Amino acid sequence: MNRTPTFLRMAPIAIALTLASAALHAQTSAPPPGANGPAERVENAGKRAVHATERGVKKAGKATKRAGNRAATAVRHTGERLGSKLPPAPRDQGLTPQGTPRDPKA
């Protein structure tokens, strides 16, 4: 049995099929135009992370401001309630509500 001539006849066909398969795979594995590649996906993920951080910082800033305003209002309200329940002291006759002396010209 002589297998060499059969192998020599099949080798070019096998090589041609291998090359055609590789070319077809290269065409189908390439991303379609306009599709994001790995670099664009990483860049977009970085942009989304930056925007999320900015949103978080804004929310935290607003929450801190709101908490500060509520605390100041509570302290002011408490002071006003206490002040309304206390009788005026006799020595406070010449003072403004802030505790500074009144202008004698006024």
PDB file of N, CA and C in Angstrom:
ATOM      1  N   MET A   1       0.806  -1.173   0.000  1.00  0.00           N
ATOM      2  CA  MET A   1       0.000   0.000   0.000  1.00  0.00           C
ATOM      3  C   MET A   1       0.853   1.240   0.000  1.00  0.00           C
ATOM      4  N   ASN A   2       0.497   2.049  -0.926  1.00  0.00           N
ATOM      5  CA  ASN A   2       1.268   3.273  -1.078  1.00  0.00           C
ATOM      6  C   ASN A   2       0.389   4.460  -0.687  1.00  0.00           C
ATOM      7  N   ARG A   3       0.685   5.093   0.435  1.00  0.00           N
ATOM      8  CA  ARG A   3      -0.141   6.192   0.921  1.00  0.00           C
ATOM      9  C   ARG A   3       0.426   7.556   0.535  1.00  0.00           C
ATOM     10  N   THR A   4       1.592   7.630   0.064  1.00  0.00           N
ATOM     11  CA  THR A   4       2.214   8.904  -0.245  1.00  0.00           C
ATOM     12  C   THR A   4       1.453   9.671  -1.318  1.00  0.00           C
ATOM     13  N   PRO A   5       1.061   9.089  -2.447  1.00  0.00           N
ATOM     14  CA  PRO A   5       0.340   9.878  -3.430  1.00  0.00           C
ATOM     15  C   PRO A   5      -0.998  10.418  -2.909  1.00  0.00           C
ATOM     16  N   THR A   6      -1.686   9.665  -2.058  1.00  0.00           N
ATOM     17  CA  THR A   6      -2.950  10.139  -1.520  1.00  0.00           C
ATOM     18  C   THR A   6      -2.709  11.338  -0.611  1.00  0.00           C
ATOM     19  N   PHE A   7      -1.664  11.243   0.227  1.00  0.00           N
ATOM     20  CA  PHE A   7      -1.336  12.344   1.125  1.00  0.00           C
ATOM     21  C   PHE A   7      -0.958  13.590   0.336  1.00  0.00           C
ATOM     22  N   LEU A   8      -0.195  13.405  -0.752  1.00  0.00           N
ATOM     23  CA  LEU A   8       0.225  14.560  -1.547  1.00  0.00           C
ATOM     24  C   LEU A   8      -0.970  15.202  -2.248  1.00  0.00           C
ATOM     25  N   ARG A   9      -1.969  14.410  -2.591  1.00  0.00           N
ATOM     26  CA  ARG A   9      -3.143  14.997  -3.202  1.00  0.00           C
ATOM     27  C   ARG A   9      -4.018  15.718  -2.171  1.00  0.00           C
ATOM     28  N   MET A  10      -4.069  15.226  -0.943  1.00  0.00           N
ATOM     29  CA  MET A  10      -4.919  15.807   0.081  1.00  0.00           C
ATOM     30  C   MET A  10      -4.274  17.002   0.795  1.00  0.00           C
ATOM     31  N   ALA A  11      -2.968  17.102   0.801  1.00  0.00           N
ATOM     32  CA  ALA A  11      -2.286  18.174   1.540  1.00  0.00           C
ATOM     33  C   ALA A  11      -2.684  19.563   1.030  1.00  0.00           C
ATOM     34  N   PRO A  12      -2.675  19.836  -0.282  1.00  0.00           N
ATOM     35  CA  PRO A  12      -3.080  21.167  -0.722  1.00  0.00           C
ATOM     36  C   PRO A  12      -4.535  21.493  -0.391  1.00  0.00           C
ATOM     37  N   ILE A  13      -5.400  20.512  -0.430  1.00  0.00           N
ATOM     38  CA  ILE A  13      -6.805  20.734  -0.085  1.00  0.00           C
ATOM     39  C   ILE A  13      -6.919  21.074   1.412  1.00  0.00           C
ATOM     40  N   ALA A  14      -6.193  20.348   2.255  1.00  0.00           N
ATOM     41  CA  ALA A  14      -6.231  20.599   3.691  1.00  0.00           C
ATOM     42  C   ALA A  14      -5.680  21.981   4.009  1.00  0.00           C
ATOM     43  N   ILE A  15      -4.620  22.362   3.336  1.00  0.00           N
ATOM     44  CA  ILE A  15      -4.028  23.693   3.555  1.00  0.00           C
ATOM     45  C   ILE A  15      -5.006  24.771   3.100  1.00  0.00           C
ATOM     46  N   ALA A  16      -5.638  24.576   1.958  1.00  0.00           N
ATOM     47  CA  ALA A  16      -6.591  25.558   1.448  1.00  0.00           C
ATOM     48  C   ALA A  16      -7.788  25.690   2.398  1.00  0.00           C
ATOM     49  N   LEU A  17      -8.309  24.574   2.898  1.00  0.00           N
ATOM     50  CA  LEU A  17      -9.421  24.628   3.842  1.00  0.00           C
ATOM     51  C   LEU A  17      -9.011  25.315   5.153  1.00  0.00           C
ATOM     52  N   THR A  18      -7.801  25.067   5.608  1.00  0.00           N
ATOM     53  CA  THR A  18      -7.318  25.701   6.843  1.00  0.00           C
ATOM     54  C   THR A  18      -7.217  27.208   6.661  1.00  0.00           C
ATOM     55  N   LEU A  19      -6.666  27.642   5.544  1.00  0.00           N
ATOM     56  CA  LEU A  19      -6.539  29.071   5.277  1.00  0.00           C
ATOM     57  C   LEU A  19      -7.903  29.742   5.115  1.00  0.00           C
ATOM     58  N   ALA A  20      -8.820  29.070   4.445  1.00  0.00           N
ATOM     59  CA  ALA A  20     -10.156  29.633   4.269  1.00  0.00           C
ATOM     60  C   ALA A  20     -10.874  29.736   5.616  1.00  0.00           C
ATOM     61  N   SER A  21     -10.716  28.738   6.443  1.00  0.00           N
ATOM     62  CA  SER A  21     -11.333  28.760   7.760  1.00  0.00           C
ATOM     63  C   SER A  21     -10.748  29.891   8.612  1.00  0.00           C
ATOM     64  N   ALA A  22      -9.446  30.094   8.560  1.00  0.00           N
ATOM     65  CA  ALA A  22      -8.806  31.163   9.330  1.00  0.00           C
ATOM     66  C   ALA A  22      -9.264  32.538   8.834  1.00  0.00           C
ATOM     67  N   ALA A  23      -9.382  32.686   7.523  1.00  0.00           N
ATOM     68  CA  ALA A  23      -9.833  33.965   6.964  1.00  0.00           C
ATOM     69  C   ALA A  23     -11.281  34.243   7.362  1.00  0.00           C
ATOM     70  N   LEU A  24     -12.116  33.207   7.304  1.00  0.00           N
ATOM     71  CA  LEU A  24     -13.515  33.376   7.687  1.00  0.00           C
ATOM     72  C   LEU A  24     -13.640  33.708   9.176  1.00  0.00           C
ATOM     73  N   HIS A  25     -12.849  33.056  10.000  1.00  0.00           N
ATOM     74  CA  HIS A  25     -12.870  33.331  11.431  1.00  0.00           C
ATOM     75  C   HIS A  25     -12.392  34.757  11.713  1.00  0.00           C
ATOM     76  N   ALA A  26     -11.389  35.217  11.004  1.00  0.00           N
ATOM     77  CA  ALA A  26     -10.883  36.572  11.198  1.00  0.00           C
ATOM     78  C   ALA A  26     -11.946  37.600  10.818  1.00  0.00           C
ATOM     79  N   GLN A  27     -12.724  37.315   9.815  1.00  0.00           N
ATOM     80  CA  GLN A  27     -13.777  38.255   9.403  1.00  0.00           C
ATOM     81  C   GLN A  27     -14.923  38.276  10.401  1.00  0.00           C
ATOM     82  N   THR A  28     -15.302  37.110  10.918  1.00  0.00           N
ATOM     83  CA  THR A  28     -16.444  37.064  11.829  1.00  0.00           C
ATOM     84  C   THR A  28     -16.068  37.477  13.242  1.00  0.00           C
ATOM     85  N   SER A  29     -14.824  37.342  13.646  1.00  0.00           N
ATOM     86  CA  SER A  29     -14.454  37.681  15.015  1.00  0.00           C
ATOM     87  C   SER A  29     -14.158  39.172  15.179  1.00  0.00           C
ATOM     88  N   ALA A  30     -13.970  39.897  14.094  1.00  0.00           N
ATOM     89  CA  ALA A  30     -13.725  41.328  14.205  1.00  0.00           C
ATOM     90  C   ALA A  30     -15.020  42.022  14.623  1.00  0.00           C
ATOM     91  N   PRO A  31     -14.929  42.998  15.542  1.00  0.00           N
ATOM     92  CA  PRO A  31     -16.157  43.675  15.966  1.00  0.00           C
ATOM     93  C   PRO A  31     -16.748  44.486  14.826  1.00  0.00           C
ATOM     94  N   PRO A  32     -18.050  44.584  14.764  1.00  0.00           N
ATOM     95  CA  PRO A  32     -18.667  45.364  13.695  1.00  0.00           C
ATOM     96  C   PRO A  32     -18.318  46.845  13.853  1.00  0.00           C
ATOM     97  N   PRO A  33     -18.391  47.601  12.776  1.00  0.00           N
ATOM     98  CA  PRO A  33     -18.057  49.015  12.871  1.00  0.00           C
ATOM     99  C   PRO A  33     -18.981  49.725  13.859  1.00  0.00           C
ATOM    100  N   GLY A  34     -18.398  50.561  14.671  1.00  0.00           N
ATOM    101  CA  GLY A  34     -19.167  51.307  15.648  1.00  0.00           C
ATOM    102  C   GLY A  34     -19.304  50.592  16.977  1.00  0.00           C
ATOM    103  N   ALA A  35     -18.875  49.346  17.054  1.00  0.00           N
ATOM    104  CA  ALA A  35     -18.949  48.618  18.318  1.00  0.00           C
ATOM    105  C   ALA A  35     -17.770  49.028  19.199  1.00  0.00           C
ATOM    106  N   ASN A  36     -17.998  49.035  20.478  1.00  0.00           N
ATOM    107  CA  ASN A  36     -16.946  49.414  21.404  1.00  0.00           C
ATOM    108  C   ASN A  36     -15.969  48.265  21.596  1.00  0.00           C
ATOM    109  N   GLY A  37     -14.706  48.597  21.495  1.00  0.00           N
ATOM    110  CA  GLY A  37     -13.677  47.626  21.778  1.00  0.00           C
ATOM    111  C   GLY A  37     -13.318  47.679  23.254  1.00  0.00           C
ATOM    112  N   PRO A  38     -12.341  46.912  23.666  1.00  0.00           N
ATOM    113  CA  PRO A  38     -11.974  46.889  25.081  1.00  0.00           C
ATOM    114  C   PRO A  38     -11.514  48.252  25.593  1.00  0.00           C
ATOM    115  N   ALA A  39     -10.790  48.999  24.785  1.00  0.00           N
ATOM    116  CA  ALA A  39     -10.302  50.304  25.231  1.00  0.00           C
ATOM    117  C   ALA A  39     -11.457  51.275  25.456  1.00  0.00           C
ATOM    118  N   GLU A  40     -12.422  51.263  24.548  1.00  0.00           N
ATOM    119  CA  GLU A  40     -13.565  52.157  24.698  1.00  0.00           C
ATOM    120  C   GLU A  40     -14.421  51.765  25.901  1.00  0.00           C
ATOM    121  N   ARG A  41     -14.551  50.447  26.137  1.00  0.00           N
ATOM    122  CA  ARG A  41     -15.342  50.000  27.287  1.00  0.00           C
ATOM    123  C   ARG A  41     -14.684  50.431  28.585  1.00  0.00           C
ATOM    124  N   VAL A  42     -13.360  50.318  28.666  1.00  0.00           N
ATOM    125  CA  VAL A  42     -12.647  50.744  29.874  1.00  0.00           C
ATOM    126  C   VAL A  42     -12.783  52.249  30.055  1.00  0.00           C
ATOM    127  N   GLU A  43     -12.670  52.995  28.972  1.00  0.00           N
ATOM    128  CA  GLU A  43     -12.805  54.453  29.053  1.00  0.00           C
ATOM    129  C   GLU A  43     -14.217  54.840  29.510  1.00  0.00           C
ATOM    130  N   ASN A  44     -15.229  54.192  28.959  1.00  0.00           N
ATOM    131  CA  ASN A  44     -16.607  54.485  29.364  1.00  0.00           C
ATOM    132  C   ASN A  44     -16.851  54.109  30.819  1.00  0.00           C
ATOM    133  N   ALA A  45     -16.286  53.002  31.256  1.00  0.00           N
ATOM    134  CA  ALA A  45     -16.439  52.600  32.660  1.00  0.00           C
ATOM    135  C   ALA A  45     -15.784  53.629  33.573  1.00  0.00           C
ATOM    136  N   GLY A  46     -14.639  54.158  33.170  1.00  0.00           N
ATOM    137  CA  GLY A  46     -13.980  55.194  33.964  1.00  0.00           C
ATOM    138  C   GLY A  46     -14.816  56.459  34.039  1.00  0.00           C
ATOM    139  N   LYS A  47     -15.427  56.839  32.920  1.00  0.00           N
ATOM    140  CA  LYS A  47     -16.285  58.032  32.915  1.00  0.00           C
ATOM    141  C   LYS A  47     -17.495  57.827  33.816  1.00  0.00           C
ATOM    142  N   ARG A  48     -18.083  56.631  33.742  1.00  0.00           N
ATOM    143  CA  ARG A  48     -19.241  56.360  34.600  1.00  0.00           C
ATOM    144  C   ARG A  48     -18.849  56.399  36.073  1.00  0.00           C
ATOM    145  N   ALA A  49     -17.674  55.914  36.400  1.00  0.00           N
ATOM    146  CA  ALA A  49     -17.211  55.942  37.789  1.00  0.00           C
ATOM    147  C   ALA A  49     -17.002  57.372  38.266  1.00  0.00           C
ATOM    148  N   VAL A  50     -16.456  58.213  37.406  1.00  0.00           N
ATOM    149  CA  VAL A  50     -16.252  59.620  37.771  1.00  0.00           C
ATOM    150  C   VAL A  50     -17.592  60.299  38.006  1.00  0.00           C
ATOM    151  N   HIS A  51     -18.556  60.064  37.129  1.00  0.00           N
ATOM    152  CA  HIS A  51     -19.878  60.678  37.282  1.00  0.00           C
ATOM    153  C   HIS A  51     -20.567  60.179  38.551  1.00  0.00           C
ATOM    154  N   ALA A  52     -20.416  58.894  38.844  1.00  0.00           N
ATOM    155  CA  ALA A  52     -21.025  58.357  40.064  1.00  0.00           C
ATOM    156  C   ALA A  52     -20.402  58.988  41.301  1.00  0.00           C
ATOM    157  N   THR A  53     -19.089  59.193  41.268  1.00  0.00           N
ATOM    158  CA  THR A  53     -18.420  59.839  42.399  1.00  0.00           C
ATOM    159  C   THR A  53     -18.893  61.276  42.549  1.00  0.00           C
ATOM    160  N   GLU A  54     -19.028  61.992  41.433  1.00  0.00           N
ATOM    161  CA  GLU A  54     -19.501  63.376  41.495  1.00  0.00           C
ATOM    162  C   GLU A  54     -20.924  63.426  42.062  1.00  0.00           C
ATOM    163  N   ARG A  55     -21.782  62.521  41.632  1.00  0.00           N
ATOM    164  CA  ARG A  55     -23.144  62.487  42.157  1.00  0.00           C
ATOM    165  C   ARG A  55     -23.141  62.201  43.654  1.00  0.00           C
ATOM    166  N   GLY A  56     -22.295  61.267  44.075  1.00  0.00           N
ATOM    167  CA  GLY A  56     -22.206  60.936  45.494  1.00  0.00           C
ATOM    168  C   GLY A  56     -21.724  62.113  46.326  1.00  0.00           C
ATOM    169  N   VAL A  57     -20.760  62.845  45.798  1.00  0.00           N
ATOM    170  CA  VAL A  57     -20.249  64.010  46.519  1.00  0.00           C
ATOM    171  C   VAL A  57     -21.327  65.079  46.626  1.00  0.00           C
ATOM    172  N   LYS A  58     -22.073  65.302  45.557  1.00  0.00           N
ATOM    173  CA  LYS A  58     -23.157  66.287  45.601  1.00  0.00           C
ATOM    174  C   LYS A  58     -24.218  65.889  46.619  1.00  0.00           C
ATOM    175  N   LYS A  59     -24.588  64.618  46.619  1.00  0.00           N
ATOM    176  CA  LYS A  59     -25.594  64.150  47.569  1.00  0.00           C
ATOM    177  C   LYS A  59     -25.104  64.314  49.002  1.00  0.00           C
ATOM    178  N   ALA A  60     -23.841  63.963  49.241  1.00  0.00           N
ATOM    179  CA  ALA A  60     -23.295  64.090  50.598  1.00  0.00           C
ATOM    180  C   ALA A  60     -23.241  65.554  51.015  1.00  0.00           C
ATOM    181  N   GLY A  61     -22.874  66.432  50.097  1.00  0.00           N
ATOM    182  CA  GLY A  61     -22.830  67.861  50.415  1.00  0.00           C
ATOM    183  C   GLY A  61     -24.208  68.403  50.749  1.00  0.00           C
ATOM    184  N   LYS A  62     -25.201  68.007  49.967  1.00  0.00           N
ATOM    185  CA  LYS A  62     -26.571  68.464  50.236  1.00  0.00           C
ATOM    186  C   LYS A  62     -27.074  67.921  51.572  1.00  0.00           C
ATOM    187  N   ALA A  63     -26.761  66.658  51.864  1.00  0.00           N
ATOM    188  CA  ALA A  63     -27.208  66.067  53.125  1.00  0.00           C
ATOM    189  C   ALA A  63     -26.552  66.762  54.311  1.00  0.00           C
ATOM    190  N   THR A  64     -25.270  67.094  54.188  1.00  0.00           N
ATOM    191  CA  THR A  64     -24.575  67.790  55.264  1.00  0.00           C
ATOM    192  C   THR A  64     -25.160  69.177  55.469  1.00  0.00           C
ATOM    193  N   LYS A  65     -25.425  69.875  54.381  1.00  0.00           N
ATOM    194  CA  LYS A  65     -26.013  71.210  54.489  1.00  0.00           C
ATOM    195  C   LYS A  65     -27.388  71.138  55.139  1.00  0.00           C
ATOM    196  N   ARG A  66     -28.199  70.170  54.719  1.00  0.00           N
ATOM    197  CA  ARG A  66     -29.541  70.012  55.270  1.00  0.00           C
ATOM    198  C   ARG A  66     -29.470  69.685  56.763  1.00  0.00           C
ATOM    199  N   ALA A  67     -28.542  68.807  57.152  1.00  0.00           N
ATOM    200  CA  ALA A  67     -28.410  68.449  58.562  1.00  0.00           C
ATOM    201  C   ALA A  67     -27.952  69.658  59.381  1.00  0.00           C
ATOM    202  N   GLY A  68     -27.038  70.453  58.837  1.00  0.00           N
ATOM    203  CA  GLY A  68     -26.591  71.659  59.533  1.00  0.00           C
ATOM    204  C   GLY A  68     -27.715  72.660  59.703  1.00  0.00           C
ATOM    205  N   ASN A  69     -28.510  72.837  58.668  1.00  0.00           N
ATOM    206  CA  ASN A  69     -29.643  73.763  58.757  1.00  0.00           C
ATOM    207  C   ASN A  69     -30.671  73.291  59.786  1.00  0.00           C
ATOM    208  N   ARG A  70     -30.930  71.988  59.807  1.00  0.00           N
ATOM    209  CA  ARG A  70     -31.887  71.456  60.780  1.00  0.00           C
ATOM    210  C   ARG A  70     -31.365  71.634  62.212  1.00  0.00           C
ATOM    211  N   ALA A  71     -30.085  71.383  62.398  1.00  0.00           N
ATOM    212  CA  ALA A  71     -29.513  71.539  63.742  1.00  0.00           C
ATOM    213  C   ALA A  71     -29.571  73.002  64.178  1.00  0.00           C
ATOM    214  N   ALA A  72     -29.225  73.915  63.279  1.00  0.00           N
ATOM    215  CA  ALA A  72     -29.270  75.339  63.623  1.00  0.00           C
ATOM    216  C   ALA A  72     -30.696  75.776  63.931  1.00  0.00           C
ATOM    217  N   THR A  73     -31.649  75.307  63.177  1.00  0.00           N
ATOM    218  CA  THR A  73     -33.047  75.647  63.419  1.00  0.00           C
ATOM    219  C   THR A  73     -33.498  75.102  64.771  1.00  0.00           C
ATOM    220  N   ALA A  74     -33.097  73.875  65.091  1.00  0.00           N
ATOM    221  CA  ALA A  74     -33.485  73.278  66.369  1.00  0.00           C
ATOM    222  C   ALA A  74     -32.893  74.064  67.537  1.00  0.00           C
ATOM    223  N   VAL A  75     -31.627  74.462  67.428  1.00  0.00           N
ATOM    224  CA  VAL A  75     -31.002  75.239  68.497  1.00  0.00           C
ATOM    225  C   VAL A  75     -31.693  76.591  68.634  1.00  0.00           C
ATOM    226  N   ARG A  76     -31.957  77.242  67.527  1.00  0.00           N
ATOM    227  CA  ARG A  76     -32.621  78.548  67.551  1.00  0.00           C
ATOM    228  C   ARG A  76     -34.016  78.422  68.161  1.00  0.00           C
ATOM    229  N   HIS A  77     -34.752  77.406  67.743  1.00  0.00           N
ATOM    230  CA  HIS A  77     -36.105  77.203  68.256  1.00  0.00           C
ATOM    231  C   HIS A  77     -36.068  76.937  69.768  1.00  0.00           C
ATOM    232  N   THR A  78     -35.127  76.104  70.201  1.00  0.00           N
ATOM    233  CA  THR A  78     -35.005  75.808  71.628  1.00  0.00           C
ATOM    234  C   THR A  78     -34.672  77.063  72.415  1.00  0.00           C
ATOM    235  N   GLY A  79     -33.776  77.869  71.906  1.00  0.00           N
ATOM    236  CA  GLY A  79     -33.422  79.120  72.576  1.00  0.00           C
ATOM    237  C   GLY A  79     -34.601  80.070  72.669  1.00  0.00           C
ATOM    238  N   GLU A  80     -35.370  80.143  71.597  1.00  0.00           N
ATOM    239  CA  GLU A  80     -36.547  81.013  71.618  1.00  0.00           C
ATOM    240  C   GLU A  80     -37.578  80.519  72.631  1.00  0.00           C
ATOM    241  N   ARG A  81     -37.783  79.193  72.696  1.00  0.00           N
ATOM    242  CA  ARG A  81     -38.753  78.633  73.650  1.00  0.00           C
ATOM    243  C   ARG A  81     -38.309  78.891  75.083  1.00  0.00           C
ATOM    244  N   LEU A  82     -37.032  78.674  75.343  1.00  0.00           N
ATOM    245  CA  LEU A  82     -36.533  78.935  76.697  1.00  0.00           C
ATOM    246  C   LEU A  82     -36.621  80.417  77.034  1.00  0.00           C
ATOM    247  N   GLY A  83     -36.271  81.254  76.081  1.00  0.00           N
ATOM    248  CA  GLY A  83     -36.322  82.690  76.312  1.00  0.00           C
ATOM    249  C   GLY A  83     -37.727  83.198  76.566  1.00  0.00           C
ATOM    250  N   SER A  84     -38.700  82.586  75.933  1.00  0.00           N
ATOM    251  CA  SER A  84     -40.079  83.041  76.132  1.00  0.00           C
ATOM    252  C   SER A  84     -40.611  82.634  77.504  1.00  0.00           C
ATOM    253  N   LYS A  85     -40.045  81.588  78.108  1.00  0.00           N
ATOM    254  CA  LYS A  85     -40.523  81.120  79.411  1.00  0.00           C
ATOM    255  C   LYS A  85     -39.818  81.805  80.583  1.00  0.00           C
ATOM    256  N   LEU A  86     -38.700  82.442  80.340  1.00  0.00           N
ATOM    257  CA  LEU A  86     -37.961  83.093  81.422  1.00  0.00           C
ATOM    258  C   LEU A  86     -38.490  84.507  81.652  1.00  0.00           C
ATOM    259  N   PRO A  87     -38.587  84.903  82.892  1.00  0.00           N
ATOM    260  CA  PRO A  87     -38.998  86.287  83.145  1.00  0.00           C
ATOM    261  C   PRO A  87     -37.841  87.227  82.847  1.00  0.00           C
ATOM    262  N   PRO A  88     -38.110  88.435  82.425  1.00  0.00           N
ATOM    263  CA  PRO A  88     -37.021  89.365  82.153  1.00  0.00           C
ATOM    264  C   PRO A  88     -36.302  89.734  83.450  1.00  0.00           C
ATOM    265  N   ALA A  89     -35.022  89.812  83.383  1.00  0.00           N
ATOM    266  CA  ALA A  89     -34.224  90.198  84.546  1.00  0.00           C
ATOM    267  C   ALA A  89     -34.248  91.706  84.673  1.00  0.00           C
ATOM    268  N   PRO A  90     -34.190  92.236  85.890  1.00  0.00           N
ATOM    269  CA  PRO A  90     -34.269  93.685  86.044  1.00  0.00           C
ATOM    270  C   PRO A  90     -33.073  94.408  85.444  1.00  0.00           C
ATOM    271  N   ARG A  91     -31.924  93.785  85.392  1.00  0.00           N
ATOM    272  CA  ARG A  91     -30.756  94.480  84.852  1.00  0.00           C
ATOM    273  C   ARG A  91     -30.724  94.489  83.327  1.00  0.00           C
ATOM    274  N   ASP A  92     -31.633  93.766  82.652  1.00  0.00           N
ATOM    275  CA  ASP A  92     -31.647  93.707  81.195  1.00  0.00           C
ATOM    276  C   ASP A  92     -32.403  94.865  80.570  1.00  0.00           C
ATOM    277  N   GLN A  93     -32.830  95.844  81.381  1.00  0.00           N
ATOM    278  CA  GLN A  93     -33.659  96.916  80.846  1.00  0.00           C
ATOM    279  C   GLN A  93     -32.932  97.746  79.792  1.00  0.00           C
ATOM    280  N   GLY A  94     -31.625  97.900  79.907  1.00  0.00           N
ATOM    281  CA  GLY A  94     -30.903  98.729  78.941  1.00  0.00           C
ATOM    282  C   GLY A  94     -30.231  97.949  77.832  1.00  0.00           C
ATOM    283  N   LEU A  95     -30.620  96.685  77.611  1.00  0.00           N
ATOM    284  CA  LEU A  95     -29.963  95.834  76.610  1.00  0.00           C
ATOM    285  C   LEU A  95     -30.925  95.475  75.478  1.00  0.00           C
ATOM    286  N   THR A  96     -30.342  95.239  74.315  1.00  0.00           N
ATOM    287  CA  THR A  96     -31.119  94.741  73.172  1.00  0.00           C
ATOM    288  C   THR A  96     -31.331  93.241  73.355  1.00  0.00           C
ATOM    289  N   PRO A  97     -32.189  92.613  72.563  1.00  0.00           N
ATOM    290  CA  PRO A  97     -32.380  91.162  72.703  1.00  0.00           C
ATOM    291  C   PRO A  97     -31.094  90.363  72.504  1.00  0.00           C
ATOM    292  N   GLN A  98     -30.101  90.926  71.809  1.00  0.00           N
ATOM    293  CA  GLN A  98     -28.830  90.239  71.618  1.00  0.00           C
ATOM    294  C   GLN A  98     -27.894  90.438  72.816  1.00  0.00           C
ATOM    295  N   GLY A  99     -28.255  91.305  73.774  1.00  0.00           N
ATOM    296  CA  GLY A  99     -27.428  91.510  74.946  1.00  0.00           C
ATOM    297  C   GLY A  99     -26.476  92.676  74.839  1.00  0.00           C
ATOM    298  N   THR A 100     -26.562  93.463  73.790  1.00  0.00           N
ATOM    299  CA  THR A 100     -25.699  94.637  73.647  1.00  0.00           C
ATOM    300  C   THR A 100     -26.429  95.861  74.204  1.00  0.00           C
ATOM    301  N   PRO A 101     -25.699  96.861  74.704  1.00  0.00           N
ATOM    302  CA  PRO A 101     -26.370  98.046  75.240  1.00  0.00           C
ATOM    303  C   PRO A 101     -27.147  98.770  74.144  1.00  0.00           C
ATOM    304  N   ARG A 102     -28.300  99.318  74.546  1.00  0.00           N
ATOM    305  CA  ARG A 102     -29.092 100.095  73.591  1.00  0.00           C
ATOM    306  C   ARG A 102     -28.426 101.423  73.344  1.00  0.00           C
ATOM    307  N   ASP A 103     -28.666 101.913  72.133  1.00  0.00           N
ATOM    308  CA  ASP A 103     -28.123 103.240  71.789  1.00  0.00           C
ATOM    309  C   ASP A 103     -28.925 104.281  72.542  1.00  0.00           C
ATOM    310  N   PRO A 104     -28.293 105.112  73.379  1.00  0.00           N
ATOM    311  CA  PRO A 104     -29.066 106.088  74.156  1.00  0.00           C
ATOM    312  C   PRO A 104     -29.726 107.153  73.278  1.00  0.00           C
ATOM    313  N   LYS A 105     -29.229 107.348  72.050  1.00  0.00           N
ATOM    314  CA  LYS A 105     -29.811 108.383  71.174  1.00  0.00           C
ATOM    315  C   LYS A 105     -31.127 107.910  70.562  1.00  0.00           C
ATOM    316  N   ALA A 106     -31.311 106.605  70.481  1.00  0.00           N
ATOM    317  CA  ALA A 106     -32.507 106.101  69.810  1.00  0.00           C
ATOM    318  C   ALA A 106     -33.736 106.100  70.643  1.00  0.00           C
TER     319      ALA A 106
END
